[in-house]
Protein backbone atom coordinates (compact mmCIF):
# COMPACT_ATOMS: atom_id res chain seq x y z
CA MET A 1 -19.46 -14.06 -12.04
CA ARG A 2 -16.17 -12.72 -13.29
CA ASN A 3 -12.81 -14.39 -12.76
CA PHE A 4 -9.94 -12.50 -11.12
CA GLU A 5 -8.44 -11.30 -14.39
CA GLU A 6 -11.78 -9.77 -15.44
CA ILE A 7 -12.15 -8.19 -12.00
CA VAL A 8 -8.69 -6.62 -12.36
CA ILE A 9 -9.73 -5.17 -15.72
CA GLU A 10 -12.87 -3.68 -14.14
CA LEU A 11 -10.83 -2.21 -11.27
CA LYS A 12 -8.36 -0.72 -13.75
CA HIS A 13 -11.29 0.81 -15.64
CA HIS A 14 -12.58 2.36 -12.40
CA LEU A 15 -9.12 3.65 -11.46
CA SER A 16 -8.51 5.10 -14.92
CA LYS A 17 -11.60 7.31 -14.46
CA GLN A 18 -9.86 8.92 -11.50
CA LYS A 19 -6.66 9.55 -13.47
CA SER A 20 -6.29 9.97 -17.18
CA LYS A 21 -3.27 7.68 -17.59
CA LYS A 22 -2.93 3.92 -18.01
CA VAL A 23 -3.36 1.92 -14.80
CA LEU A 24 -0.85 -0.85 -14.16
CA ASP A 25 -1.16 -3.97 -12.01
CA LYS A 26 1.06 -2.25 -9.44
CA LYS A 27 -1.62 0.38 -8.82
CA VAL A 28 -4.34 -2.26 -8.47
CA ALA A 29 -2.17 -4.16 -5.98
CA ASP A 30 -1.64 -0.92 -4.02
CA VAL A 31 -5.34 -0.06 -3.78
CA LEU A 32 -6.14 -3.62 -2.72
CA LYS A 33 -3.37 -3.42 -0.10
CA LEU A 34 -1.47 -6.38 -1.55
CA SER A 35 2.21 -6.72 -2.30
CA GLN A 36 3.08 -6.86 -5.99
CA SER A 37 4.41 -10.41 -5.66
CA ASN A 38 1.30 -11.59 -3.82
CA PHE A 39 -0.92 -9.90 -6.42
CA ALA A 40 1.01 -11.56 -9.26
CA THR A 41 0.67 -14.97 -7.60
CA LEU A 42 -3.07 -14.50 -7.07
CA LYS A 43 -3.50 -13.38 -10.67
CA ARG A 44 -1.50 -16.30 -12.05
CA ARG A 45 -3.51 -18.79 -9.96
CA ASN A 46 -6.79 -16.98 -10.69
CA VAL A 47 -7.54 -16.66 -6.95
CA THR A 48 -9.76 -13.70 -6.09
CA PRO A 49 -8.93 -11.77 -2.88
CA TYR A 50 -12.59 -11.08 -2.03
CA LYS A 51 -11.92 -9.39 1.32
CA ASN A 52 -9.48 -6.89 -0.20
CA ILE A 53 -11.83 -6.09 -3.08
CA LEU A 54 -14.86 -5.69 -0.80
CA GLU A 55 -12.91 -3.37 1.52
CA TYR A 56 -11.83 -1.26 -1.47
CA CYS A 57 -15.41 -1.11 -2.78
CA GLU A 58 -16.67 0.02 0.63
CA LYS A 59 -13.96 2.68 0.93
CA GLU A 60 -14.65 4.05 -2.56
CA LYS A 61 -18.47 3.71 -2.35
CA LEU A 62 -18.29 1.45 -5.40
CA SER A 63 -20.91 -1.19 -6.18
CA CYS A 64 -19.59 -4.70 -5.61
CA ASN A 65 -22.06 -5.95 -8.22
CA LYS A 66 -20.34 -3.82 -10.83
CA ILE A 67 -16.98 -5.37 -9.96
CA PHE A 68 -18.00 -9.02 -9.54
CA PHE A 69 -20.79 -9.42 -12.11
CA GLN A 70 -20.82 -8.60 -15.79
CA ASN A 71 -24.40 -7.40 -16.19
CA SER A 72 -24.56 -4.84 -13.39
């Protein structure tokens, strides 16, 4: 299972497919419906906001396995 930093990288990869420019942490925080300061704290502490990620995956019809696990 991936840690939060790896999950953020996977989310950025998914978001960059939708737009052709570089995706910043601010955009990931926005799509997960987190404040930038809360997102930064979670990232620094390596705490994964599972509920927010699962809600985003459901909304975007994205496989949770692809986000949480490396070999999916």
